[in-house]
Amino acid sequence: MVRHGETTWAVEGRHTGRTDVPLTDTGRRHAEALGAALAGVSFATVLVSPLQRALETCRLAGYGEVAQVRQDLAEWDYGTDEGRTTAEILAERPGWSLWRDGPLGGEPIDDVGHRADRVIGELRATAGDAAVFAHGHILRVLAARWIGLAPACGSRLALDPASVGVLGYERSTAVVGCWNETPAEARWPRSAPPQPVPSGR
């Protein structure tokens, strides 16, 4: 699972849902670094959000030609909170939490969870490894659902721009193998994709 590279709105801390903002120059460099880290690695399936920041990250990482767009991987629809910072929202709604209260006029978190579940169903039916290029919040919800937690438990899984998480199995148990790693700090070999936690640990 790969979160897209940096955008201006991400730097500014703005909730970036369906607004189709591009990567910054830094974001593009980070996506290219991810591609270098995964050079030569192939996946049975590559899924990507329809939004350009995810599509461009996928392309710069070297998987654009084989990627399949999935609407279910679009970022959370933040409604009228789109483009606003948490500080701006809290000034109007003290004590507000996106994960508990949801965005004003936006998508309920259970609906985000249903989208994640549909993607998980496709991933679990895939014969071989899969890569998913998308956005911070939808990927956090997807990871929570992968291990059987409620969508709101994604609040505990911070995911930085251009970082990677790996979902897999320990025996028959769904696990998070590694999380929020960038190519510079990655624990996986440069010639192979990251692997889930080995059996027996």
N, C-alpha and C. Protein backbone atom coordinates (compact mmCIF):
# COMPACT_ATOMS: atom_id res chain seq x y z
N MET A 1 0.84 -1.18 0.00
CA MET A 1 0.00 0.00 0.00
C MET A 1 0.88 1.23 0.00
N VAL A 2 0.64 2.14 -0.97
CA VAL A 2 1.47 3.33 -1.12
C VAL A 2 0.61 4.58 -1.07
N ARG A 3 0.92 5.46 -0.15
CA ARG A 3 0.27 6.77 -0.16
C ARG A 3 0.98 7.64 -1.20
N HIS A 4 0.21 8.45 -1.89
CA HIS A 4 0.77 9.33 -2.92
C HIS A 4 1.80 10.28 -2.33
N GLY A 5 2.58 10.89 -3.20
CA GLY A 5 3.60 11.84 -2.78
C GLY A 5 3.01 13.15 -2.30
N GLU A 6 3.89 14.02 -1.87
CA GLU A 6 3.51 15.31 -1.28
C GLU A 6 2.71 16.18 -2.25
N THR A 7 1.72 16.89 -1.71
CA THR A 7 1.00 17.95 -2.43
C THR A 7 1.08 19.23 -1.61
N THR A 8 0.78 20.35 -2.22
CA THR A 8 0.78 21.62 -1.50
C THR A 8 -0.22 21.59 -0.36
N TRP A 9 -1.39 21.05 -0.62
CA TRP A 9 -2.41 20.99 0.44
C TRP A 9 -1.97 20.11 1.59
N ALA A 10 -1.25 19.04 1.31
CA ALA A 10 -0.75 18.18 2.39
C ALA A 10 0.23 18.95 3.27
N VAL A 11 1.11 19.72 2.63
CA VAL A 11 2.08 20.54 3.38
C VAL A 11 1.36 21.53 4.26
N GLU A 12 0.26 22.09 3.77
CA GLU A 12 -0.50 23.11 4.50
C GLU A 12 -1.46 22.50 5.51
N GLY A 13 -1.57 21.18 5.53
CA GLY A 13 -2.45 20.53 6.48
C GLY A 13 -3.92 20.61 6.13
N ARG A 14 -4.22 20.81 4.85
CA ARG A 14 -5.61 20.93 4.42
C ARG A 14 -6.21 19.55 4.12
N HIS A 15 -7.45 19.36 4.49
CA HIS A 15 -8.14 18.11 4.17
C HIS A 15 -8.32 18.04 2.66
N THR A 16 -7.68 17.05 2.06
CA THR A 16 -7.67 16.92 0.60
C THR A 16 -8.39 15.64 0.24
N GLY A 17 -9.66 15.78 -0.10
CA GLY A 17 -10.45 14.62 -0.47
C GLY A 17 -10.54 14.47 -1.96
N ARG A 18 -11.59 15.02 -2.55
CA ARG A 18 -11.85 14.84 -3.97
C ARG A 18 -11.28 15.96 -4.83
N THR A 19 -10.72 17.01 -4.21
CA THR A 19 -10.06 18.06 -5.00
C THR A 19 -8.84 17.45 -5.66
N ASP A 20 -8.71 17.63 -6.96
CA ASP A 20 -7.68 16.90 -7.73
C ASP A 20 -6.39 17.70 -7.81
N VAL A 21 -5.72 17.84 -6.67
CA VAL A 21 -4.48 18.61 -6.63
C VAL A 21 -3.32 17.76 -7.12
N PRO A 22 -2.33 18.38 -7.76
CA PRO A 22 -1.17 17.62 -8.27
C PRO A 22 -0.10 17.46 -7.21
N LEU A 23 0.89 16.63 -7.52
CA LEU A 23 2.06 16.49 -6.67
C LEU A 23 2.92 17.74 -6.76
N THR A 24 3.65 18.02 -5.70
CA THR A 24 4.70 19.03 -5.76
C THR A 24 5.94 18.42 -6.41
N ASP A 25 6.95 19.24 -6.68
CA ASP A 25 8.21 18.71 -7.19
C ASP A 25 8.80 17.71 -6.21
N THR A 26 8.70 18.01 -4.92
CA THR A 26 9.19 17.08 -3.90
C THR A 26 8.41 15.78 -3.95
N GLY A 27 7.10 15.87 -4.12
CA GLY A 27 6.27 14.69 -4.21
C GLY A 27 6.65 13.81 -5.38
N ARG A 28 6.98 14.44 -6.50
CA ARG A 28 7.40 13.66 -7.68
C ARG A 28 8.75 12.98 -7.44
N ARG A 29 9.66 13.67 -6.77
CA ARG A 29 10.96 13.05 -6.47
C ARG A 29 10.79 11.86 -5.53
N HIS A 30 9.91 11.99 -4.57
CA HIS A 30 9.67 10.88 -3.64
C HIS A 30 9.06 9.69 -4.36
N ALA A 31 8.15 9.95 -5.30
CA ALA A 31 7.55 8.85 -6.07
C ALA A 31 8.60 8.15 -6.92
N GLU A 32 9.51 8.92 -7.50
CA GLU A 32 10.59 8.32 -8.28
C GLU A 32 11.52 7.48 -7.38
N ALA A 33 11.77 7.97 -6.16
CA ALA A 33 12.60 7.21 -5.23
C ALA A 33 11.94 5.89 -4.86
N LEU A 34 10.63 5.91 -4.72
CA LEU A 34 9.91 4.67 -4.45
C LEU A 34 10.07 3.71 -5.62
N GLY A 35 9.98 4.24 -6.84
CA GLY A 35 10.18 3.40 -8.01
C GLY A 35 11.56 2.77 -8.04
N ALA A 36 12.58 3.54 -7.66
CA ALA A 36 13.94 3.00 -7.61
C ALA A 36 14.05 1.89 -6.57
N ALA A 37 13.35 2.06 -5.43
CA ALA A 37 13.41 1.06 -4.38
C ALA A 37 12.74 -0.25 -4.81
N LEU A 38 11.71 -0.13 -5.66
CA LEU A 38 10.98 -1.32 -6.10
C LEU A 38 11.35 -1.74 -7.52
N ALA A 39 12.45 -1.24 -8.03
CA ALA A 39 12.86 -1.54 -9.40
C ALA A 39 12.91 -3.04 -9.64
N GLY A 40 12.25 -3.49 -10.70
CA GLY A 40 12.27 -4.89 -11.06
C GLY A 40 11.23 -5.74 -10.37
N VAL A 41 10.49 -5.17 -9.43
CA VAL A 41 9.47 -5.92 -8.71
C VAL A 41 8.16 -5.87 -9.49
N SER A 42 7.55 -7.00 -9.71
CA SER A 42 6.26 -7.04 -10.41
C SER A 42 5.17 -7.49 -9.44
N PHE A 43 3.96 -7.06 -9.72
CA PHE A 43 2.81 -7.40 -8.91
C PHE A 43 1.75 -8.04 -9.79
N ALA A 44 1.02 -8.99 -9.23
CA ALA A 44 -0.06 -9.62 -9.98
C ALA A 44 -1.16 -8.63 -10.29
N THR A 45 -1.38 -7.70 -9.39
CA THR A 45 -2.42 -6.68 -9.55
C THR A 45 -1.90 -5.36 -9.00
N VAL A 46 -2.16 -4.26 -9.72
CA VAL A 46 -1.86 -2.92 -9.23
C VAL A 46 -3.15 -2.11 -9.34
N LEU A 47 -3.62 -1.62 -8.21
CA LEU A 47 -4.83 -0.82 -8.17
C LEU A 47 -4.48 0.61 -7.78
N VAL A 48 -5.22 1.58 -8.33
CA VAL A 48 -4.90 2.98 -8.08
C VAL A 48 -6.18 3.81 -8.00
N SER A 49 -6.13 4.82 -7.18
CA SER A 49 -7.21 5.81 -7.08
C SER A 49 -7.33 6.57 -8.39
N PRO A 50 -8.52 7.10 -8.71
CA PRO A 50 -8.68 7.88 -9.94
C PRO A 50 -8.11 9.29 -9.86
N LEU A 51 -7.67 9.74 -8.69
CA LEU A 51 -7.20 11.12 -8.53
C LEU A 51 -5.74 11.24 -8.97
N GLN A 52 -5.41 12.40 -9.57
CA GLN A 52 -4.12 12.53 -10.25
C GLN A 52 -2.92 12.39 -9.33
N ARG A 53 -3.03 12.78 -8.08
CA ARG A 53 -1.87 12.65 -7.19
C ARG A 53 -1.49 11.19 -6.96
N ALA A 54 -2.49 10.31 -6.93
CA ALA A 54 -2.20 8.88 -6.81
C ALA A 54 -1.77 8.29 -8.14
N LEU A 55 -2.44 8.70 -9.21
CA LEU A 55 -2.09 8.21 -10.54
C LEU A 55 -0.65 8.57 -10.91
N GLU A 56 -0.26 9.82 -10.59
CA GLU A 56 1.10 10.25 -10.92
C GLU A 56 2.14 9.53 -10.07
N THR A 57 1.84 9.31 -8.81
CA THR A 57 2.76 8.55 -7.96
C THR A 57 2.95 7.15 -8.51
N CYS A 58 1.85 6.53 -8.90
CA CYS A 58 1.90 5.18 -9.47
C CYS A 58 2.74 5.17 -10.75
N ARG A 59 2.54 6.16 -11.60
CA ARG A 59 3.27 6.23 -12.87
C ARG A 59 4.76 6.45 -12.63
N LEU A 60 5.10 7.40 -11.75
CA LEU A 60 6.50 7.70 -11.49
C LEU A 60 7.21 6.54 -10.78
N ALA A 61 6.44 5.73 -10.05
CA ALA A 61 7.02 4.56 -9.40
C ALA A 61 7.21 3.41 -10.37
N GLY A 62 6.67 3.55 -11.59
CA GLY A 62 6.92 2.56 -12.63
C GLY A 62 5.79 1.57 -12.89
N TYR A 63 4.59 1.85 -12.34
CA TYR A 63 3.49 0.89 -12.47
C TYR A 63 2.28 1.45 -13.21
N GLY A 64 2.44 2.60 -13.83
CA GLY A 64 1.31 3.24 -14.49
C GLY A 64 0.70 2.43 -15.60
N GLU A 65 1.51 1.70 -16.36
CA GLU A 65 1.00 0.98 -17.52
C GLU A 65 0.18 -0.25 -17.14
N VAL A 66 0.36 -0.77 -15.95
CA VAL A 66 -0.37 -1.97 -15.55
C VAL A 66 -1.44 -1.67 -14.50
N ALA A 67 -1.53 -0.44 -14.06
CA ALA A 67 -2.46 -0.10 -12.99
C ALA A 67 -3.91 -0.08 -13.47
N GLN A 68 -4.80 -0.49 -12.59
CA GLN A 68 -6.23 -0.46 -12.84
C GLN A 68 -6.87 0.53 -11.87
N VAL A 69 -7.64 1.47 -12.41
CA VAL A 69 -8.28 2.49 -11.59
C VAL A 69 -9.47 1.91 -10.86
N ARG A 70 -9.58 2.25 -9.58
CA ARG A 70 -10.71 1.83 -8.77
C ARG A 70 -11.31 3.06 -8.07
N GLN A 71 -12.55 3.36 -8.36
CA GLN A 71 -13.22 4.48 -7.73
C GLN A 71 -13.27 4.33 -6.21
N ASP A 72 -13.33 3.10 -5.73
CA ASP A 72 -13.39 2.85 -4.30
C ASP A 72 -12.13 3.32 -3.57
N LEU A 73 -11.04 3.58 -4.29
CA LEU A 73 -9.80 4.04 -3.67
C LEU A 73 -9.67 5.55 -3.63
N ALA A 74 -10.69 6.28 -4.10
CA ALA A 74 -10.67 7.73 -3.97
C ALA A 74 -10.63 8.09 -2.49
N GLU A 75 -10.09 9.26 -2.20
CA GLU A 75 -9.98 9.67 -0.79
C GLU A 75 -11.35 9.97 -0.21
N TRP A 76 -11.43 9.97 1.10
CA TRP A 76 -12.62 10.32 1.87
C TRP A 76 -13.20 11.61 1.32
N ASP A 77 -14.50 11.66 1.13
CA ASP A 77 -15.19 12.88 0.70
C ASP A 77 -15.45 13.72 1.95
N TYR A 78 -14.76 14.86 2.05
CA TYR A 78 -14.82 15.68 3.25
C TYR A 78 -15.94 16.72 3.23
N GLY A 79 -16.77 16.73 2.20
CA GLY A 79 -17.90 17.65 2.16
C GLY A 79 -17.45 19.10 2.26
N THR A 80 -18.09 19.88 3.14
CA THR A 80 -17.74 21.30 3.26
C THR A 80 -16.46 21.52 4.06
N ASP A 81 -15.89 20.45 4.62
CA ASP A 81 -14.59 20.57 5.29
C ASP A 81 -13.42 20.42 4.31
N GLU A 82 -13.73 20.16 3.05
CA GLU A 82 -12.69 20.04 2.02
C GLU A 82 -11.86 21.32 1.95
N GLY A 83 -10.54 21.14 1.95
CA GLY A 83 -9.64 22.28 1.82
C GLY A 83 -9.38 23.04 3.10
N ARG A 84 -10.00 22.63 4.19
CA ARG A 84 -9.84 23.33 5.47
C ARG A 84 -8.84 22.57 6.35
N THR A 85 -8.20 23.31 7.24
CA THR A 85 -7.29 22.68 8.20
C THR A 85 -8.07 22.26 9.44
N THR A 86 -7.48 21.36 10.20
CA THR A 86 -8.11 20.94 11.45
C THR A 86 -8.30 22.12 12.39
N ALA A 87 -7.31 23.01 12.44
CA ALA A 87 -7.42 24.19 13.32
C ALA A 87 -8.61 25.06 12.93
N GLU A 88 -8.82 25.23 11.65
CA GLU A 88 -9.96 26.04 11.19
C GLU A 88 -11.29 25.40 11.59
N ILE A 89 -11.36 24.10 11.46
CA ILE A 89 -12.60 23.39 11.81
C ILE A 89 -12.83 23.44 13.31
N LEU A 90 -11.78 23.23 14.10
CA LEU A 90 -11.91 23.24 15.55
C LEU A 90 -12.34 24.61 16.08
N ALA A 91 -11.96 25.67 15.37
CA ALA A 91 -12.37 27.01 15.78
C ALA A 91 -13.89 27.17 15.74
N GLU A 92 -14.54 26.42 14.85
CA GLU A 92 -15.99 26.46 14.72
C GLU A 92 -16.68 25.35 15.49
N ARG A 93 -16.00 24.20 15.60
CA ARG A 93 -16.60 23.02 16.23
C ARG A 93 -15.61 22.46 17.25
N PRO A 94 -15.50 23.09 18.43
CA PRO A 94 -14.52 22.65 19.43
C PRO A 94 -14.70 21.17 19.79
N GLY A 95 -13.57 20.49 19.90
CA GLY A 95 -13.59 19.07 20.25
C GLY A 95 -13.84 18.14 19.09
N TRP A 96 -13.97 18.70 17.89
CA TRP A 96 -14.27 17.90 16.69
C TRP A 96 -13.15 16.91 16.39
N SER A 97 -13.55 15.73 15.94
CA SER A 97 -12.61 14.72 15.45
C SER A 97 -13.15 14.15 14.15
N LEU A 98 -12.35 14.17 13.11
CA LEU A 98 -12.78 13.59 11.84
C LEU A 98 -13.19 12.14 12.02
N TRP A 99 -12.40 11.38 12.77
CA TRP A 99 -12.62 9.94 12.90
C TRP A 99 -13.83 9.61 13.75
N ARG A 100 -14.19 10.49 14.66
CA ARG A 100 -15.36 10.25 15.51
C ARG A 100 -16.62 10.93 14.96
N ASP A 101 -16.47 12.18 14.53
CA ASP A 101 -17.63 13.00 14.15
C ASP A 101 -17.88 13.06 12.66
N GLY A 102 -16.84 12.77 11.88
CA GLY A 102 -16.98 12.82 10.43
C GLY A 102 -16.93 14.24 9.89
N PRO A 103 -16.82 14.38 8.57
CA PRO A 103 -16.78 15.70 7.96
C PRO A 103 -18.20 16.26 7.78
N LEU A 104 -18.31 17.57 7.84
CA LEU A 104 -19.61 18.21 7.69
C LEU A 104 -20.10 18.08 6.25
N GLY A 105 -21.25 17.43 6.08
CA GLY A 105 -21.81 17.27 4.74
C GLY A 105 -21.03 16.32 3.86
N GLY A 106 -20.15 15.52 4.46
CA GLY A 106 -19.31 14.61 3.68
C GLY A 106 -19.72 13.16 3.84
N GLU A 107 -18.78 12.29 3.60
CA GLU A 107 -19.02 10.85 3.56
C GLU A 107 -18.93 10.25 4.97
N PRO A 108 -19.94 9.52 5.40
CA PRO A 108 -19.86 8.85 6.70
C PRO A 108 -18.72 7.83 6.71
N ILE A 109 -18.09 7.67 7.86
CA ILE A 109 -16.93 6.77 7.93
C ILE A 109 -17.32 5.34 7.61
N ASP A 110 -18.54 4.93 7.93
CA ASP A 110 -18.94 3.56 7.59
C ASP A 110 -18.97 3.35 6.08
N ASP A 111 -19.30 4.39 5.33
CA ASP A 111 -19.28 4.29 3.87
C ASP A 111 -17.85 4.14 3.36
N VAL A 112 -16.91 4.86 3.98
CA VAL A 112 -15.49 4.69 3.64
C VAL A 112 -15.07 3.25 3.92
N GLY A 113 -15.53 2.72 5.04
CA GLY A 113 -15.22 1.34 5.39
C GLY A 113 -15.78 0.34 4.39
N HIS A 114 -16.99 0.60 3.89
CA HIS A 114 -17.57 -0.30 2.89
C HIS A 114 -16.74 -0.29 1.60
N ARG A 115 -16.26 0.89 1.22
CA ARG A 115 -15.40 0.96 0.03
C ARG A 115 -14.11 0.17 0.25
N ALA A 116 -13.53 0.34 1.44
CA ALA A 116 -12.31 -0.42 1.75
C ALA A 116 -12.57 -1.92 1.72
N ASP A 117 -13.71 -2.34 2.22
CA ASP A 117 -14.04 -3.77 2.23
C ASP A 117 -14.14 -4.33 0.82
N ARG A 118 -14.68 -3.54 -0.10
CA ARG A 118 -14.77 -4.02 -1.49
C ARG A 118 -13.38 -4.19 -2.09
N VAL A 119 -12.48 -3.26 -1.80
CA VAL A 119 -11.10 -3.39 -2.29
C VAL A 119 -10.43 -4.61 -1.67
N ILE A 120 -10.63 -4.81 -0.38
CA ILE A 120 -10.04 -5.96 0.30
C ILE A 120 -10.54 -7.26 -0.31
N GLY A 121 -11.83 -7.30 -0.65
CA GLY A 121 -12.35 -8.49 -1.30
C GLY A 121 -11.63 -8.80 -2.60
N GLU A 122 -11.34 -7.75 -3.37
CA GLU A 122 -10.61 -7.96 -4.62
C GLU A 122 -9.17 -8.39 -4.35
N LEU A 123 -8.53 -7.77 -3.37
CA LEU A 123 -7.15 -8.12 -3.05
C LEU A 123 -7.03 -9.57 -2.59
N ARG A 124 -7.96 -10.00 -1.77
CA ARG A 124 -7.89 -11.37 -1.24
C ARG A 124 -8.19 -12.41 -2.31
N ALA A 125 -8.83 -11.98 -3.39
CA ALA A 125 -9.10 -12.90 -4.50
C ALA A 125 -7.97 -12.90 -5.53
N THR A 126 -6.95 -12.07 -5.31
CA THR A 126 -5.82 -11.97 -6.24
C THR A 126 -4.83 -13.10 -6.00
N ALA A 127 -4.40 -13.75 -7.05
CA ALA A 127 -3.37 -14.78 -6.95
C ALA A 127 -2.01 -14.11 -7.08
N GLY A 128 -1.37 -13.86 -5.98
CA GLY A 128 -0.07 -13.19 -5.99
C GLY A 128 -0.14 -11.87 -5.24
N ASP A 129 1.01 -11.17 -5.23
CA ASP A 129 1.10 -9.90 -4.52
C ASP A 129 0.38 -8.80 -5.29
N ALA A 130 -0.11 -7.82 -4.55
CA ALA A 130 -0.81 -6.68 -5.15
C ALA A 130 -0.23 -5.39 -4.59
N ALA A 131 -0.29 -4.34 -5.39
CA ALA A 131 0.09 -3.00 -4.94
C ALA A 131 -1.11 -2.08 -5.07
N VAL A 132 -1.27 -1.19 -4.10
CA VAL A 132 -2.38 -0.24 -4.09
C VAL A 132 -1.80 1.15 -3.89
N PHE A 133 -2.12 2.06 -4.80
CA PHE A 133 -1.68 3.46 -4.72
C PHE A 133 -2.91 4.33 -4.44
N ALA A 134 -2.91 5.00 -3.29
CA ALA A 134 -4.09 5.78 -2.95
C ALA A 134 -3.71 6.89 -1.97
N HIS A 135 -4.57 7.14 -0.99
CA HIS A 135 -4.49 8.33 -0.14
C HIS A 135 -4.44 7.95 1.33
N GLY A 136 -4.00 8.90 2.14
CA GLY A 136 -3.77 8.64 3.55
C GLY A 136 -4.94 8.04 4.30
N HIS A 137 -6.10 8.68 4.24
CA HIS A 137 -7.20 8.22 5.07
C HIS A 137 -7.85 6.94 4.54
N ILE A 138 -8.06 6.83 3.25
CA ILE A 138 -8.66 5.59 2.74
C ILE A 138 -7.73 4.40 2.99
N LEU A 139 -6.42 4.60 2.89
CA LEU A 139 -5.49 3.51 3.15
C LEU A 139 -5.45 3.14 4.63
N ARG A 140 -5.59 4.12 5.50
CA ARG A 140 -5.63 3.84 6.93
C ARG A 140 -6.89 3.05 7.29
N VAL A 141 -8.01 3.42 6.68
CA VAL A 141 -9.24 2.66 6.90
C VAL A 141 -9.09 1.24 6.34
N LEU A 142 -8.48 1.14 5.15
CA LEU A 142 -8.29 -0.18 4.54
C LEU A 142 -7.44 -1.07 5.43
N ALA A 143 -6.39 -0.53 6.00
CA ALA A 143 -5.53 -1.33 6.87
C ALA A 143 -6.28 -1.79 8.12
N ALA A 144 -7.08 -0.89 8.70
CA ALA A 144 -7.86 -1.26 9.87
C ALA A 144 -8.84 -2.39 9.53
N ARG A 145 -9.50 -2.28 8.40
CA ARG A 145 -10.46 -3.30 8.01
C ARG A 145 -9.77 -4.62 7.68
N TRP A 146 -8.56 -4.54 7.11
CA TRP A 146 -7.79 -5.76 6.78
C TRP A 146 -7.60 -6.65 8.00
N ILE A 147 -7.34 -6.03 9.15
CA ILE A 147 -7.09 -6.80 10.37
C ILE A 147 -8.33 -6.89 11.24
N GLY A 148 -9.49 -6.59 10.68
CA GLY A 148 -10.75 -6.82 11.36
C GLY A 148 -11.18 -5.76 12.35
N LEU A 149 -10.60 -4.57 12.28
CA LEU A 149 -10.96 -3.48 13.17
C LEU A 149 -11.99 -2.56 12.52
N ALA A 150 -12.65 -1.76 13.33
CA ALA A 150 -13.61 -0.79 12.82
C ALA A 150 -12.88 0.27 11.99
N PRO A 151 -13.57 0.87 11.02
CA PRO A 151 -12.92 1.89 10.18
C PRO A 151 -12.25 3.00 10.99
N ALA A 152 -12.87 3.42 12.09
CA ALA A 152 -12.31 4.51 12.89
C ALA A 152 -10.98 4.17 13.52
N CYS A 153 -10.64 2.89 13.61
CA CYS A 153 -9.33 2.51 14.16
C CYS A 153 -8.19 2.93 13.24
N GLY A 154 -8.50 3.32 12.00
CA GLY A 154 -7.48 3.89 11.12
C GLY A 154 -6.87 5.15 11.69
N SER A 155 -7.55 5.77 12.66
CA SER A 155 -7.01 6.97 13.30
C SER A 155 -5.68 6.70 13.98
N ARG A 156 -5.41 5.44 14.31
CA ARG A 156 -4.19 5.07 15.03
C ARG A 156 -3.04 4.70 14.09
N LEU A 157 -3.26 4.82 12.79
CA LEU A 157 -2.26 4.37 11.81
C LEU A 157 -1.81 5.54 10.94
N ALA A 158 -0.98 6.40 11.47
CA ALA A 158 -0.48 7.54 10.70
C ALA A 158 0.26 7.06 9.46
N LEU A 159 0.06 7.77 8.35
CA LEU A 159 0.68 7.37 7.08
C LEU A 159 1.15 8.62 6.34
N ASP A 160 2.45 8.79 6.24
CA ASP A 160 3.03 9.98 5.63
C ASP A 160 2.98 9.90 4.10
N PRO A 161 3.09 11.06 3.43
CA PRO A 161 3.15 11.04 1.96
C PRO A 161 4.31 10.18 1.46
N ALA A 162 4.07 9.47 0.36
CA ALA A 162 5.08 8.63 -0.30
C ALA A 162 5.64 7.55 0.62
N SER A 163 4.81 7.07 1.54
CA SER A 163 5.23 5.99 2.42
C SER A 163 4.48 4.72 2.08
N VAL A 164 4.99 3.61 2.60
CA VAL A 164 4.49 2.28 2.25
C VAL A 164 4.03 1.54 3.51
N GLY A 165 2.97 0.79 3.37
CA GLY A 165 2.54 -0.16 4.38
C GLY A 165 2.36 -1.51 3.71
N VAL A 166 2.55 -2.58 4.46
CA VAL A 166 2.41 -3.92 3.91
C VAL A 166 1.40 -4.70 4.73
N LEU A 167 0.39 -5.21 4.05
CA LEU A 167 -0.61 -6.06 4.68
C LEU A 167 -0.38 -7.49 4.21
N GLY A 168 -0.53 -8.43 5.11
CA GLY A 168 -0.31 -9.82 4.73
C GLY A 168 -0.92 -10.74 5.76
N TYR A 169 -0.30 -11.91 5.91
CA TYR A 169 -0.80 -12.92 6.83
C TYR A 169 0.34 -13.51 7.64
N GLU A 170 0.06 -13.80 8.90
CA GLU A 170 0.91 -14.64 9.72
C GLU A 170 0.10 -15.92 9.93
N ARG A 171 0.53 -16.99 9.24
CA ARG A 171 -0.30 -18.18 9.12
C ARG A 171 -1.64 -17.77 8.52
N SER A 172 -2.75 -17.93 9.23
CA SER A 172 -4.04 -17.56 8.66
C SER A 172 -4.58 -16.24 9.21
N THR A 173 -3.76 -15.54 10.00
CA THR A 173 -4.20 -14.30 10.63
C THR A 173 -3.76 -13.10 9.81
N ALA A 174 -4.71 -12.24 9.47
CA ALA A 174 -4.38 -11.01 8.74
C ALA A 174 -3.58 -10.08 9.64
N VAL A 175 -2.47 -9.55 9.12
CA VAL A 175 -1.57 -8.71 9.92
C VAL A 175 -1.12 -7.50 9.12
N VAL A 176 -0.62 -6.50 9.85
CA VAL A 176 0.13 -5.40 9.25
C VAL A 176 1.59 -5.75 9.41
N GLY A 177 2.28 -5.98 8.28
CA GLY A 177 3.67 -6.43 8.33
C GLY A 177 4.65 -5.31 8.59
N CYS A 178 4.46 -4.18 7.97
CA CYS A 178 5.23 -2.98 8.27
C CYS A 178 4.37 -1.79 7.88
N TRP A 179 4.76 -0.60 8.35
CA TRP A 179 3.85 0.52 8.18
C TRP A 179 4.61 1.84 8.15
N ASN A 180 4.17 2.73 7.30
CA ASN A 180 4.64 4.12 7.25
C ASN A 180 6.15 4.21 7.04
N GLU A 181 6.66 3.41 6.11
CA GLU A 181 8.08 3.44 5.78
C GLU A 181 8.29 4.12 4.43
N THR A 182 9.34 4.89 4.34
CA THR A 182 9.72 5.53 3.09
C THR A 182 10.90 4.78 2.48
N PRO A 183 11.17 4.97 1.18
CA PRO A 183 12.30 4.25 0.57
C PRO A 183 13.62 4.47 1.30
N ALA A 184 13.83 5.66 1.86
CA ALA A 184 15.10 5.94 2.52
C ALA A 184 15.30 5.12 3.78
N GLU A 185 14.19 4.74 4.44
CA GLU A 185 14.31 4.02 5.71
C GLU A 185 13.81 2.59 5.62
N ALA A 186 13.48 2.16 4.44
CA ALA A 186 12.80 0.87 4.26
C ALA A 186 13.62 -0.29 4.80
N ARG A 187 12.93 -1.24 5.38
CA ARG A 187 13.56 -2.46 5.89
C ARG A 187 13.54 -3.57 4.86
N TRP A 188 12.86 -3.36 3.72
CA TRP A 188 12.80 -4.42 2.72
C TRP A 188 13.95 -4.28 1.72
N PRO A 189 14.40 -5.37 1.13
CA PRO A 189 15.49 -5.30 0.13
C PRO A 189 15.06 -4.48 -1.07
N ARG A 190 16.00 -3.79 -1.67
CA ARG A 190 15.68 -2.95 -2.82
C ARG A 190 15.24 -3.79 -4.02
N SER A 191 15.57 -5.07 -4.05
CA SER A 191 15.24 -5.90 -5.20
C SER A 191 13.97 -6.72 -5.00
N ALA A 192 13.29 -6.53 -3.87
CA ALA A 192 12.08 -7.31 -3.60
C ALA A 192 11.09 -6.45 -2.82
N PRO A 193 9.81 -6.73 -2.98
CA PRO A 193 8.81 -5.95 -2.22
C PRO A 193 8.88 -6.28 -0.75
N PRO A 194 8.39 -5.36 0.11
CA PRO A 194 8.36 -5.65 1.53
C PRO A 194 7.47 -6.85 1.81
N GLN A 195 7.82 -7.61 2.85
CA GLN A 195 7.09 -8.82 3.19
C GLN A 195 6.38 -8.65 4.53
N PRO A 196 5.25 -9.36 4.72
CA PRO A 196 4.59 -9.33 6.00
C PRO A 196 5.41 -10.03 7.08
N VAL A 197 4.95 -9.88 8.32
CA VAL A 197 5.63 -10.51 9.45
C VAL A 197 5.73 -12.02 9.22
N PRO A 198 6.92 -12.60 9.31
CA PRO A 198 7.06 -14.05 9.05
C PRO A 198 6.29 -14.88 10.08
N SER A 199 5.91 -16.08 9.68
CA SER A 199 5.27 -17.01 10.61
C SER A 199 6.25 -17.38 11.72
N GLY A 200 5.71 -17.58 12.90
CA GLY A 200 6.55 -18.04 14.01
C GLY A 200 6.99 -16.94 14.94
N ARG A 201 6.78 -15.66 14.56
CA ARG A 201 7.15 -14.59 15.46
C ARG A 201 6.09 -14.41 16.54
